[in-house]
């Protein structure tokens, strides 16, 4: 996920960030994060401290492959939920977020 944030930051810094973004798996989480914030909010939130809190793939190949063979899952779901909560705790949605704000914010025609 840290790589996803790096790409978003590079596009944002170059003023090339698209207004519509889609993704699958962790990319869908990043797309939701990016599409619910203004460019100014993203510039504040996308910093090295965010990348340090993303630890979804620190397990060895042997550990996750063993789990995959036993359960069919790449990640431990309880551990994944805990880690996602950890990351989302610093990037939580603002209370006033609405569909209207998403599509009618600054820079949106």
PDB file of N, CA and C in Angstrom:
ATOM      1  N   UNK A   1       0.812  -1.194   0.000  1.00  0.00           N
ATOM      2  CA  UNK A   1       0.000   0.000   0.000  1.00  0.00           C
ATOM      3  C   UNK A   1       0.852   1.253   0.000  1.00  0.00           C
ATOM      4  N   UNK A   2       2.029   1.185   0.597  1.00  0.00           N
ATOM      5  CA  UNK A   2       2.892   2.361   0.613  1.00  0.00           C
ATOM      6  C   UNK A   2       3.257   2.778  -0.812  1.00  0.00           C
ATOM      7  N   UNK A   3       3.430   1.799  -1.703  1.00  0.00           N
ATOM      8  CA  UNK A   3       3.724   2.126  -3.102  1.00  0.00           C
ATOM      9  C   UNK A   3       2.558   2.863  -3.740  1.00  0.00           C
ATOM     10  N   UNK A   4       1.333   2.442  -3.416  1.00  0.00           N
ATOM     11  CA  UNK A   4       0.141   3.124  -3.939  1.00  0.00           C
ATOM     12  C   UNK A   4       0.155   4.593  -3.523  1.00  0.00           C
ATOM     13  N   UNK A   5       0.442   4.828  -2.239  1.00  0.00           N
ATOM     14  CA  UNK A   5       0.473   6.206  -1.746  1.00  0.00           C
ATOM     15  C   UNK A   5       1.578   7.004  -2.431  1.00  0.00           C
ATOM     16  N   UNK A   6       2.697   6.349  -2.727  1.00  0.00           N
ATOM     17  CA  UNK A   6       3.793   7.028  -3.425  1.00  0.00           C
ATOM     18  C   UNK A   6       3.389   7.484  -4.809  1.00  0.00           C
ATOM     19  N   UNK A   7       2.664   6.642  -5.515  1.00  0.00           N
ATOM     20  CA  UNK A   7       2.185   7.005  -6.852  1.00  0.00           C
ATOM     21  C   UNK A   7       1.197   8.166  -6.755  1.00  0.00           C
ATOM     22  N   UNK A   8       0.286   8.096  -5.799  1.00  0.00           N
ATOM     23  CA  UNK A   8      -0.687   9.186  -5.609  1.00  0.00           C
ATOM     24  C   UNK A   8       0.046  10.484  -5.306  1.00  0.00           C
ATOM     25  N   UNK A   9       1.044  10.435  -4.427  1.00  0.00           N
ATOM     26  CA  UNK A   9       1.799  11.640  -4.057  1.00  0.00           C
ATOM     27  C   UNK A   9       2.527  12.217  -5.271  1.00  0.00           C
ATOM     28  N   UNK A  10       3.144  11.353  -6.079  1.00  0.00           N
ATOM     29  CA  UNK A  10       3.853  11.825  -7.279  1.00  0.00           C
ATOM     30  C   UNK A  10       2.888  12.488  -8.260  1.00  0.00           C
ATOM     31  N   UNK A  11       1.727  11.875  -8.466  1.00  0.00           N
ATOM     32  CA  UNK A  11       0.729  12.470  -9.362  1.00  0.00           C
ATOM     33  C   UNK A  11       0.210  13.786  -8.793  1.00  0.00           C
ATOM     34  N   UNK A  12      -0.014  13.825  -7.499  1.00  0.00           N
ATOM     35  CA  UNK A  12      -0.501  15.039  -6.849  1.00  0.00           C
ATOM     36  C   UNK A  12       0.528  16.158  -6.965  1.00  0.00           C
ATOM     37  N   UNK A  13       1.795  15.855  -6.693  1.00  0.00           N
ATOM     38  CA  UNK A  13       2.860  16.864  -6.773  1.00  0.00           C
ATOM     39  C   UNK A  13       3.049  17.393  -8.186  1.00  0.00           C
ATOM     40  N   UNK A  14       2.684  16.593  -9.189  1.00  0.00           N
ATOM     41  CA  UNK A  14       2.811  17.001 -10.590  1.00  0.00           C
ATOM     42  C   UNK A  14       1.514  17.575 -11.156  1.00  0.00           C
ATOM     43  N   UNK A  15       0.517  17.743 -10.279  1.00  0.00           N
ATOM     44  CA  UNK A  15      -0.806  18.218 -10.700  1.00  0.00           C
ATOM     45  C   UNK A  15      -1.413  17.340 -11.788  1.00  0.00           C
ATOM     46  N   UNK A  16      -1.223  16.027 -11.672  1.00  0.00           N
ATOM     47  CA  UNK A  16      -1.749  15.078 -12.640  1.00  0.00           C
ATOM     48  C   UNK A  16      -2.712  14.077 -12.016  1.00  0.00           C
ATOM     49  N   UNK A  17      -3.117  14.311 -10.786  1.00  0.00           N
ATOM     50  CA  UNK A  17      -4.004  13.376 -10.095  1.00  0.00           C
ATOM     51  C   UNK A  17      -5.378  13.379 -10.749  1.00  0.00           C
ATOM     52  N   UNK A  18      -5.834  12.218 -11.237  1.00  0.00           N
ATOM     53  CA  UNK A  18      -7.160  12.174 -11.874  1.00  0.00           C
ATOM     54  C   UNK A  18      -8.273  12.367 -10.851  1.00  0.00           C
ATOM     55  N   UNK A  19      -9.419  12.786 -11.303  1.00  0.00           N
ATOM     56  CA  UNK A  19     -10.568  13.010 -10.425  1.00  0.00           C
ATOM     57  C   UNK A  19     -11.364  11.735 -10.182  1.00  0.00           C
ATOM     58  N   UNK A  20     -11.213  10.743 -11.037  1.00  0.00           N
ATOM     59  CA  UNK A  20     -11.906   9.468 -10.866  1.00  0.00           C
ATOM     60  C   UNK A  20     -10.839   8.382 -10.785  1.00  0.00           C
ATOM     61  N   UNK A  21     -10.880   7.614  -9.704  1.00  0.00           N
ATOM     62  CA  UNK A  21      -9.889   6.562  -9.471  1.00  0.00           C
ATOM     63  C   UNK A  21     -10.620   5.304  -9.043  1.00  0.00           C
ATOM     64  N   UNK A  22     -10.182   4.171  -9.534  1.00  0.00           N
ATOM     65  CA  UNK A  22     -10.744   2.887  -9.126  1.00  0.00           C
ATOM     66  C   UNK A  22      -9.601   1.940  -8.797  1.00  0.00           C
ATOM     67  N   UNK A  23      -9.899   0.888  -8.064  1.00  0.00           N
ATOM     68  CA  UNK A  23      -8.875  -0.084  -7.727  1.00  0.00           C
ATOM     69  C   UNK A  23      -9.506  -1.355  -7.209  1.00  0.00           C
ATOM     70  N   UNK A  24      -8.675  -2.360  -7.041  1.00  0.00           N
ATOM     71  CA  UNK A  24      -9.123  -3.610  -6.434  1.00  0.00           C
ATOM     72  C   UNK A  24      -8.208  -3.902  -5.256  1.00  0.00           C
ATOM     73  N   UNK A  25      -8.722  -4.658  -4.317  1.00  0.00           N
ATOM     74  CA  UNK A  25      -7.976  -5.047  -3.124  1.00  0.00           C
ATOM     75  C   UNK A  25      -7.479  -3.778  -2.419  1.00  0.00           C
ATOM     76  N   UNK A  26      -6.189  -3.705  -2.121  1.00  0.00           N
ATOM     77  CA  UNK A  26      -5.699  -2.523  -1.407  1.00  0.00           C
ATOM     78  C   UNK A  26      -5.835  -1.266  -2.259  1.00  0.00           C
ATOM     79  N   UNK A  27      -5.821  -1.425  -3.580  1.00  0.00           N
ATOM     80  CA  UNK A  27      -6.017  -0.276  -4.461  1.00  0.00           C
ATOM     81  C   UNK A  27      -7.374   0.370  -4.286  1.00  0.00           C
ATOM     82  N   UNK A  28      -8.385  -0.425  -3.935  1.00  0.00           N
ATOM     83  CA  UNK A  28      -9.718   0.149  -3.701  1.00  0.00           C
ATOM     84  C   UNK A  28      -9.729   0.984  -2.426  1.00  0.00           C
ATOM     85  N   UNK A  29      -8.957   0.569  -1.423  1.00  0.00           N
ATOM     86  CA  UNK A  29      -8.852   1.379  -0.202  1.00  0.00           C
ATOM     87  C   UNK A  29      -8.172   2.712  -0.495  1.00  0.00           C
ATOM     88  N   UNK A  30      -7.124   2.663  -1.294  1.00  0.00           N
ATOM     89  CA  UNK A  30      -6.410   3.888  -1.651  1.00  0.00           C
ATOM     90  C   UNK A  30      -7.312   4.785  -2.494  1.00  0.00           C
ATOM     91  N   UNK A  31      -8.031   4.206  -3.455  1.00  0.00           N
ATOM     92  CA  UNK A  31      -8.940   4.991  -4.297  1.00  0.00           C
ATOM     93  C   UNK A  31      -9.991   5.690  -3.443  1.00  0.00           C
ATOM     94  N   UNK A  32     -10.557   4.977  -2.482  1.00  0.00           N
ATOM     95  CA  UNK A  32     -11.564   5.582  -1.601  1.00  0.00           C
ATOM     96  C   UNK A  32     -10.951   6.706  -0.781  1.00  0.00           C
ATOM     97  N   UNK A  33      -9.759   6.491  -0.277  1.00  0.00           N
ATOM     98  CA  UNK A  33      -9.055   7.512   0.503  1.00  0.00           C
ATOM     99  C   UNK A  33      -8.817   8.769  -0.328  1.00  0.00           C
ATOM    100  N   UNK A  34      -8.315   8.593  -1.546  1.00  0.00           N
ATOM    101  CA  UNK A  34      -7.968   9.725  -2.406  1.00  0.00           C
ATOM    102  C   UNK A  34      -9.211  10.466  -2.880  1.00  0.00           C
ATOM    103  N   UNK A  35     -10.241   9.743  -3.262  1.00  0.00           N
ATOM    104  CA  UNK A  35     -11.423  10.370  -3.857  1.00  0.00           C
ATOM    105  C   UNK A  35     -12.330  11.058  -2.850  1.00  0.00           C
ATOM    106  N   UNK A  36     -12.043  10.929  -1.585  1.00  0.00           N
ATOM    107  CA  UNK A  36     -12.877  11.589  -0.570  1.00  0.00           C
ATOM    108  C   UNK A  36     -12.150  12.744   0.095  1.00  0.00           C
ATOM    109  N   UNK A  37     -11.085  13.220  -0.538  1.00  0.00           N
ATOM    110  CA  UNK A  37     -10.325  14.323   0.019  1.00  0.00           C
ATOM    111  C   UNK A  37      -9.967  15.352  -1.046  1.00  0.00           C
ATOM    112  N   UNK A  38      -9.788  16.574  -0.604  1.00  0.00           N
ATOM    113  CA  UNK A  38      -9.333  17.616  -1.514  1.00  0.00           C
ATOM    114  C   UNK A  38      -7.828  17.466  -1.716  1.00  0.00           C
ATOM    115  N   UNK A  39      -7.303  18.130  -2.733  1.00  0.00           N
ATOM    116  CA  UNK A  39      -5.859  18.089  -2.961  1.00  0.00           C
ATOM    117  C   UNK A  39      -5.100  18.630  -1.755  1.00  0.00           C
ATOM    118  N   UNK A  40      -5.631  19.669  -1.128  1.00  0.00           N
ATOM    119  CA  UNK A  40      -4.972  20.256   0.040  1.00  0.00           C
ATOM    120  C   UNK A  40      -4.915  19.260   1.203  1.00  0.00           C
ATOM    121  N   UNK A  41      -6.008  18.518   1.412  1.00  0.00           N
ATOM    122  CA  UNK A  41      -6.029  17.500   2.468  1.00  0.00           C
ATOM    123  C   UNK A  41      -5.028  16.397   2.166  1.00  0.00           C
ATOM    124  N   UNK A  42      -4.953  15.987   0.903  1.00  0.00           N
ATOM    125  CA  UNK A  42      -4.011  14.933   0.531  1.00  0.00           C
ATOM    126  C   UNK A  42      -2.574  15.370   0.743  1.00  0.00           C
ATOM    127  N   UNK A  43      -2.274  16.611   0.409  1.00  0.00           N
ATOM    128  CA  UNK A  43      -0.901  17.105   0.593  1.00  0.00           C
ATOM    129  C   UNK A  43      -0.496  17.067   2.061  1.00  0.00           C
ATOM    130  N   UNK A  44      -1.443  17.277   2.950  1.00  0.00           N
ATOM    131  CA  UNK A  44      -1.166  17.218   4.382  1.00  0.00           C
ATOM    132  C   UNK A  44      -1.034  15.777   4.868  1.00  0.00           C
ATOM    133  N   UNK A  45      -1.907  14.907   4.395  1.00  0.00           N
ATOM    134  CA  UNK A  45      -1.952  13.533   4.899  1.00  0.00           C
ATOM    135  C   UNK A  45      -0.890  12.613   4.312  1.00  0.00           C
ATOM    136  N   UNK A  46      -0.494  12.837   3.065  1.00  0.00           N
ATOM    137  CA  UNK A  46       0.475  11.944   2.417  1.00  0.00           C
ATOM    138  C   UNK A  46       1.886  12.339   2.819  1.00  0.00           C
ATOM    139  N   UNK A  47       2.339  11.784   3.910  1.00  0.00           N
ATOM    140  CA  UNK A  47       3.676  12.061   4.414  1.00  0.00           C
ATOM    141  C   UNK A  47       4.310  10.760   4.891  1.00  0.00           C
ATOM    142  N   UNK A  48       5.613  10.766   5.169  1.00  0.00           N
ATOM    143  CA  UNK A  48       6.297   9.524   5.542  1.00  0.00           C
ATOM    144  C   UNK A  48       5.705   8.811   6.753  1.00  0.00           C
ATOM    145  N   UNK A  49       5.090   9.524   7.679  1.00  0.00           N
ATOM    146  CA  UNK A  49       4.528   8.850   8.853  1.00  0.00           C
ATOM    147  C   UNK A  49       3.394   7.906   8.462  1.00  0.00           C
ATOM    148  N   UNK A  50       2.674   8.216   7.389  1.00  0.00           N
ATOM    149  CA  UNK A  50       1.608   7.339   6.924  1.00  0.00           C
ATOM    150  C   UNK A  50       2.196   6.026   6.409  1.00  0.00           C
ATOM    151  N   UNK A  51       3.237   6.104   5.598  1.00  0.00           N
ATOM    152  CA  UNK A  51       3.859   4.895   5.042  1.00  0.00           C
ATOM    153  C   UNK A  51       4.404   3.988   6.141  1.00  0.00           C
ATOM    154  N   UNK A  52       4.913   4.562   7.211  1.00  0.00           N
ATOM    155  CA  UNK A  52       5.469   3.764   8.306  1.00  0.00           C
ATOM    156  C   UNK A  52       4.401   2.985   9.057  1.00  0.00           C
ATOM    157  N   UNK A  53       3.157   3.418   8.957  1.00  0.00           N
ATOM    158  CA  UNK A  53       2.073   2.732   9.666  1.00  0.00           C
ATOM    159  C   UNK A  53       1.449   1.611   8.843  1.00  0.00           C
ATOM    160  N   UNK A  54       1.862   1.465   7.603  1.00  0.00           N
ATOM    161  CA  UNK A  54       1.313   0.439   6.737  1.00  0.00           C
ATOM    162  C   UNK A  54       2.216  -0.790   6.815  1.00  0.00           C
ATOM    163  N   UNK A  55       1.697  -1.848   7.421  1.00  0.00           N
ATOM    164  CA  UNK A  55       2.517  -3.040   7.649  1.00  0.00           C
ATOM    165  C   UNK A  55       1.800  -4.306   7.211  1.00  0.00           C
ATOM    166  N   UNK A  56       1.048  -4.224   6.155  1.00  0.00           N
ATOM    167  CA  UNK A  56       0.227  -5.367   5.736  1.00  0.00           C
ATOM    168  C   UNK A  56       1.041  -6.534   5.208  1.00  0.00           C
ATOM    169  N   UNK A  57       2.198  -6.288   4.670  1.00  0.00           N
ATOM    170  CA  UNK A  57       2.934  -7.360   3.984  1.00  0.00           C
ATOM    171  C   UNK A  57       4.298  -7.656   4.604  1.00  0.00           C
ATOM    172  N   UNK A  58       4.416  -7.513   5.907  1.00  0.00           N
ATOM    173  CA  UNK A  58       5.711  -7.740   6.520  1.00  0.00           C
ATOM    174  C   UNK A  58       5.989  -9.209   6.829  1.00  0.00           C
ATOM    175  N   UNK A  59       4.990 -10.075   6.684  1.00  0.00           N
ATOM    176  CA  UNK A  59       5.196 -11.498   6.929  1.00  0.00           C
ATOM    177  C   UNK A  59       6.103 -12.112   5.867  1.00  0.00           C
ATOM    178  N   UNK A  60       6.814 -13.130   6.264  1.00  0.00           N
ATOM    179  CA  UNK A  60       7.665 -13.836   5.303  1.00  0.00           C
ATOM    180  C   UNK A  60       6.794 -14.612   4.313  1.00  0.00           C
ATOM    181  N   UNK A  61       7.369 -14.912   3.176  1.00  0.00           N
ATOM    182  CA  UNK A  61       6.671 -15.701   2.175  1.00  0.00           C
ATOM    183  C   UNK A  61       6.248 -17.040   2.763  1.00  0.00           C
ATOM    184  N   UNK A  62       7.116 -17.658   3.538  1.00  0.00           N
ATOM    185  CA  UNK A  62       6.821 -18.961   4.137  1.00  0.00           C
ATOM    186  C   UNK A  62       5.574 -18.893   5.028  1.00  0.00           C
ATOM    187  N   UNK A  63       5.464 -17.842   5.835  1.00  0.00           N
ATOM    188  CA  UNK A  63       4.311 -17.707   6.739  1.00  0.00           C
ATOM    189  C   UNK A  63       3.006 -17.564   5.979  1.00  0.00           C
ATOM    190  N   UNK A  64       2.987 -16.636   5.040  1.00  0.00           N
ATOM    191  CA  UNK A  64       1.715 -16.423   4.348  1.00  0.00           C
ATOM    192  C   UNK A  64       1.388 -17.569   3.402  1.00  0.00           C
ATOM    193  N   UNK A  65       2.397 -18.231   2.821  1.00  0.00           N
ATOM    194  CA  UNK A  65       2.118 -19.348   1.928  1.00  0.00           C
ATOM    195  C   UNK A  65       1.550 -20.531   2.717  1.00  0.00           C
ATOM    196  N   UNK A  66       2.070 -20.761   3.918  1.00  0.00           N
ATOM    197  CA  UNK A  66       1.540 -21.824   4.771  1.00  0.00           C
ATOM    198  C   UNK A  66       0.068 -21.550   5.090  1.00  0.00           C
ATOM    199  N   UNK A  67      -0.261 -20.298   5.432  1.00  0.00           N
ATOM    200  CA  UNK A  67      -1.651 -19.944   5.711  1.00  0.00           C
ATOM    201  C   UNK A  67      -2.507 -20.145   4.468  1.00  0.00           C
ATOM    202  N   UNK A  68      -1.978 -19.749   3.319  1.00  0.00           N
ATOM    203  CA  UNK A  68      -2.725 -19.906   2.077  1.00  0.00           C
ATOM    204  C   UNK A  68      -3.043 -21.377   1.816  1.00  0.00           C
ATOM    205  N   UNK A  69      -2.069 -22.256   2.026  1.00  0.00           N
ATOM    206  CA  UNK A  69      -2.300 -23.687   1.810  1.00  0.00           C
ATOM    207  C   UNK A  69      -3.329 -24.251   2.792  1.00  0.00           C
ATOM    208  N   UNK A  70      -3.318 -23.734   4.021  1.00  0.00           N
ATOM    209  CA  UNK A  70      -4.227 -24.246   5.048  1.00  0.00           C
ATOM    210  C   UNK A  70      -5.630 -23.663   4.937  1.00  0.00           C
ATOM    211  N   UNK A  71      -5.723 -22.370   4.612  1.00  0.00           N
ATOM    212  CA  UNK A  71      -7.026 -21.700   4.667  1.00  0.00           C
ATOM    213  C   UNK A  71      -7.486 -21.116   3.334  1.00  0.00           C
ATOM    214  N   UNK A  72      -6.573 -20.982   2.391  1.00  0.00           N
ATOM    215  CA  UNK A  72      -6.910 -20.345   1.123  1.00  0.00           C
ATOM    216  C   UNK A  72      -6.826 -18.829   1.182  1.00  0.00           C
ATOM    217  N   UNK A  73      -6.379 -18.289   2.313  1.00  0.00           N
ATOM    218  CA  UNK A  73      -6.306 -16.833   2.495  1.00  0.00           C
ATOM    219  C   UNK A  73      -4.865 -16.362   2.510  1.00  0.00           C
ATOM    220  N   UNK A  74      -4.598 -15.264   1.863  1.00  0.00           N
ATOM    221  CA  UNK A  74      -3.258 -14.654   1.863  1.00  0.00           C
ATOM    222  C   UNK A  74      -2.978 -13.989   3.202  1.00  0.00           C
ATOM    223  N   UNK A  75      -3.996 -13.322   3.772  1.00  0.00           N
ATOM    224  CA  UNK A  75      -3.816 -12.582   5.012  1.00  0.00           C
ATOM    225  C   UNK A  75      -4.633 -13.185   6.143  1.00  0.00           C
ATOM    226  N   UNK A  76      -4.160 -13.012   7.349  1.00  0.00           N
ATOM    227  CA  UNK A  76      -4.926 -13.338   8.546  1.00  0.00           C
ATOM    228  C   UNK A  76      -5.966 -12.224   8.690  1.00  0.00           C
ATOM    229  N   UNK A  77      -7.240 -12.549   8.597  1.00  0.00           N
ATOM    230  CA  UNK A  77      -8.280 -11.517   8.549  1.00  0.00           C
ATOM    231  C   UNK A  77      -8.339 -10.672   9.808  1.00  0.00           C
ATOM    232  N   UNK A  78      -8.137 -11.263  10.968  1.00  0.00           N
ATOM    233  CA  UNK A  78      -8.167 -10.494  12.217  1.00  0.00           C
ATOM    234  C   UNK A  78      -6.985  -9.531  12.259  1.00  0.00           C
ATOM    235  N   UNK A  79      -5.813 -10.018  11.887  1.00  0.00           N
ATOM    236  CA  UNK A  79      -4.628  -9.162  11.861  1.00  0.00           C
ATOM    237  C   UNK A  79      -4.787  -8.049  10.830  1.00  0.00           C
ATOM    238  N   UNK A  80      -5.329  -8.389   9.648  1.00  0.00           N
ATOM    239  CA  UNK A  80      -5.554  -7.387   8.596  1.00  0.00           C
ATOM    240  C   UNK A  80      -6.494  -6.284   9.080  1.00  0.00           C
ATOM    241  N   UNK A  81      -7.577  -6.652   9.747  1.00  0.00           N
ATOM    242  CA  UNK A  81      -8.532  -5.669  10.257  1.00  0.00           C
ATOM    243  C   UNK A  81      -7.862  -4.745  11.273  1.00  0.00           C
ATOM    244  N   UNK A  82      -7.034  -5.312  12.136  1.00  0.00           N
ATOM    245  CA  UNK A  82      -6.321  -4.496  13.131  1.00  0.00           C
ATOM    246  C   UNK A  82      -5.391  -3.498  12.431  1.00  0.00           C
ATOM    247  N   UNK A  83      -4.662  -3.971  11.439  1.00  0.00           N
ATOM    248  CA  UNK A  83      -3.727  -3.096  10.723  1.00  0.00           C
ATOM    249  C   UNK A  83      -4.467  -2.021   9.925  1.00  0.00           C
ATOM    250  N   UNK A  84      -5.562  -2.393   9.298  1.00  0.00           N
ATOM    251  CA  UNK A  84      -6.349  -1.405   8.551  1.00  0.00           C
ATOM    252  C   UNK A  84      -6.890  -0.340   9.484  1.00  0.00           C
ATOM    253  N   UNK A  85      -7.335  -0.744  10.669  1.00  0.00           N
ATOM    254  CA  UNK A  85      -7.828   0.220  11.653  1.00  0.00           C
ATOM    255  C   UNK A  85      -6.720   1.158  12.079  1.00  0.00           C
ATOM    256  N   UNK A  86      -5.517   0.630  12.217  1.00  0.00           N
ATOM    257  CA  UNK A  86      -4.370   1.442  12.608  1.00  0.00           C
ATOM    258  C   UNK A  86      -4.086   2.524  11.575  1.00  0.00           C
ATOM    259  N   UNK A  87      -4.101   2.145  10.308  1.00  0.00           N
ATOM    260  CA  UNK A  87      -3.857   3.119   9.236  1.00  0.00           C
ATOM    261  C   UNK A  87      -5.020   4.098   9.136  1.00  0.00           C
ATOM    262  N   UNK A  88      -6.236   3.582   9.145  1.00  0.00           N
ATOM    263  CA  UNK A  88      -7.399   4.442   8.973  1.00  0.00           C
ATOM    264  C   UNK A  88      -7.626   5.379  10.146  1.00  0.00           C
ATOM    265  N   UNK A  89      -7.046   5.069  11.298  1.00  0.00           N
ATOM    266  CA  UNK A  89      -7.232   5.947  12.458  1.00  0.00           C
ATOM    267  C   UNK A  89      -6.630   7.325  12.230  1.00  0.00           C
ATOM    268  N   UNK A  90      -5.615   7.420  11.384  1.00  0.00           N
ATOM    269  CA  UNK A  90      -5.037   8.741  11.130  1.00  0.00           C
ATOM    270  C   UNK A  90      -5.589   9.382   9.874  1.00  0.00           C
ATOM    271  N   UNK A  91      -6.379   8.633   9.120  1.00  0.00           N
ATOM    272  CA  UNK A  91      -6.932   9.181   7.882  1.00  0.00           C
ATOM    273  C   UNK A  91      -8.440   9.032   7.843  1.00  0.00           C
ATOM    274  N   UNK A  92      -9.072   9.096   8.997  1.00  0.00           N
ATOM    275  CA  UNK A  92     -10.509   8.859   9.072  1.00  0.00           C
ATOM    276  C   UNK A  92     -11.288   9.908   8.284  1.00  0.00           C
ATOM    277  N   UNK A  93     -12.469   9.526   7.860  1.00  0.00           N
ATOM    278  CA  UNK A  93     -13.305  10.419   7.074  1.00  0.00           C
ATOM    279  C   UNK A  93     -13.819  11.564   7.934  1.00  0.00           C
ATOM    280  N   UNK A  94     -13.859  12.762   7.390  1.00  0.00           N
ATOM    281  CA  UNK A  94     -14.440  13.878   8.129  1.00  0.00           C
ATOM    282  C   UNK A  94     -15.935  13.667   8.339  1.00  0.00           C
ATOM    283  N   UNK A  95     -16.457  14.188   9.415  1.00  0.00           N
ATOM    284  CA  UNK A  95     -17.862  13.985   9.768  1.00  0.00           C
ATOM    285  C   UNK A  95     -18.816  14.578   8.737  1.00  0.00           C
ATOM    286  N   UNK A  96     -18.401  15.624   8.024  1.00  0.00           N
ATOM    287  CA  UNK A  96     -19.300  16.296   7.095  1.00  0.00           C
ATOM    288  C   UNK A  96     -19.218  15.744   5.668  1.00  0.00           C
ATOM    289  N   UNK A  97     -18.560  14.617   5.482  1.00  0.00           N
ATOM    290  CA  UNK A  97     -18.413  14.069   4.140  1.00  0.00           C
ATOM    291  C   UNK A  97     -19.756  13.627   3.591  1.00  0.00           C
ATOM    292  N   UNK A  98     -20.021  14.007   2.368  1.00  0.00           N
ATOM    293  CA  UNK A  98     -21.264  13.589   1.719  1.00  0.00           C
ATOM    294  C   UNK A  98     -20.988  13.361   0.242  1.00  0.00           C
ATOM    295  N   UNK A  99     -21.877  12.679  -0.413  1.00  0.00           N
ATOM    296  CA  UNK A  99     -21.731  12.464  -1.852  1.00  0.00           C
ATOM    297  C   UNK A  99     -21.696  13.805  -2.568  1.00  0.00           C
ATOM    298  N   UNK A 100     -22.517  14.743  -2.102  1.00  0.00           N
ATOM    299  CA  UNK A 100     -22.535  16.059  -2.731  1.00  0.00           C
ATOM    300  C   UNK A 100     -21.157  16.712  -2.656  1.00  0.00           C
ATOM    301  N   UNK A 101     -20.540  16.668  -1.486  1.00  0.00           N
ATOM    302  CA  UNK A 101     -19.227  17.288  -1.331  1.00  0.00           C
ATOM    303  C   UNK A 101     -18.198  16.602  -2.213  1.00  0.00           C
ATOM    304  N   UNK A 102     -18.286  15.280  -2.316  1.00  0.00           N
ATOM    305  CA  UNK A 102     -17.355  14.523  -3.160  1.00  0.00           C
ATOM    306  C   UNK A 102     -17.352  15.047  -4.574  1.00  0.00           C
ATOM    307  N   UNK A 103     -18.524  15.269  -5.125  1.00  0.00           N
ATOM    308  CA  UNK A 103     -18.625  15.608  -6.524  1.00  0.00           C
ATOM    309  C   UNK A 103     -18.809  17.092  -6.799  1.00  0.00           C
ATOM    310  N   UNK A 104     -18.847  17.913  -5.796  1.00  0.00           N
ATOM    311  CA  UNK A 104     -19.028  19.329  -6.041  1.00  0.00           C
ATOM    312  C   UNK A 104     -18.009  20.183  -5.318  1.00  0.00           C
ATOM    313  N   UNK A 105     -16.911  19.569  -4.891  1.00  0.00           N
ATOM    314  CA  UNK A 105     -15.868  20.288  -4.171  1.00  0.00           C
ATOM    315  C   UNK A 105     -15.050  21.185  -5.081  1.00  0.00           C
ATOM    316  N   UNK A 106     -14.035  21.824  -4.526  1.00  0.00           N
ATOM    317  CA  UNK A 106     -13.176  22.718  -5.314  1.00  0.00           C
ATOM    318  C   UNK A 106     -12.557  22.006  -6.505  1.00  0.00           C
ATOM    319  N   UNK A 107     -12.591  22.639  -7.626  1.00  0.00           N
ATOM    320  CA  UNK A 107     -11.963  22.087  -8.820  1.00  0.00           C
ATOM    321  C   UNK A 107     -12.830  21.111  -9.602  1.00  0.00           C
ATOM    322  N   UNK A 108     -14.012  20.829  -9.105  1.00  0.00           N
ATOM    323  CA  UNK A 108     -14.911  19.909  -9.816  1.00  0.00           C
ATOM    324  C   UNK A 108     -15.965  20.752 -10.518  1.00  0.00           C
ATOM    325  N   UNK A 109     -16.088  20.608 -11.837  1.00  0.00           N
ATOM    326  CA  UNK A 109     -17.067  21.447 -12.569  1.00  0.00           C
ATOM    327  C   UNK A 109     -18.499  21.120 -12.212  1.00  0.00           C
TER     328      UNK A 109
END
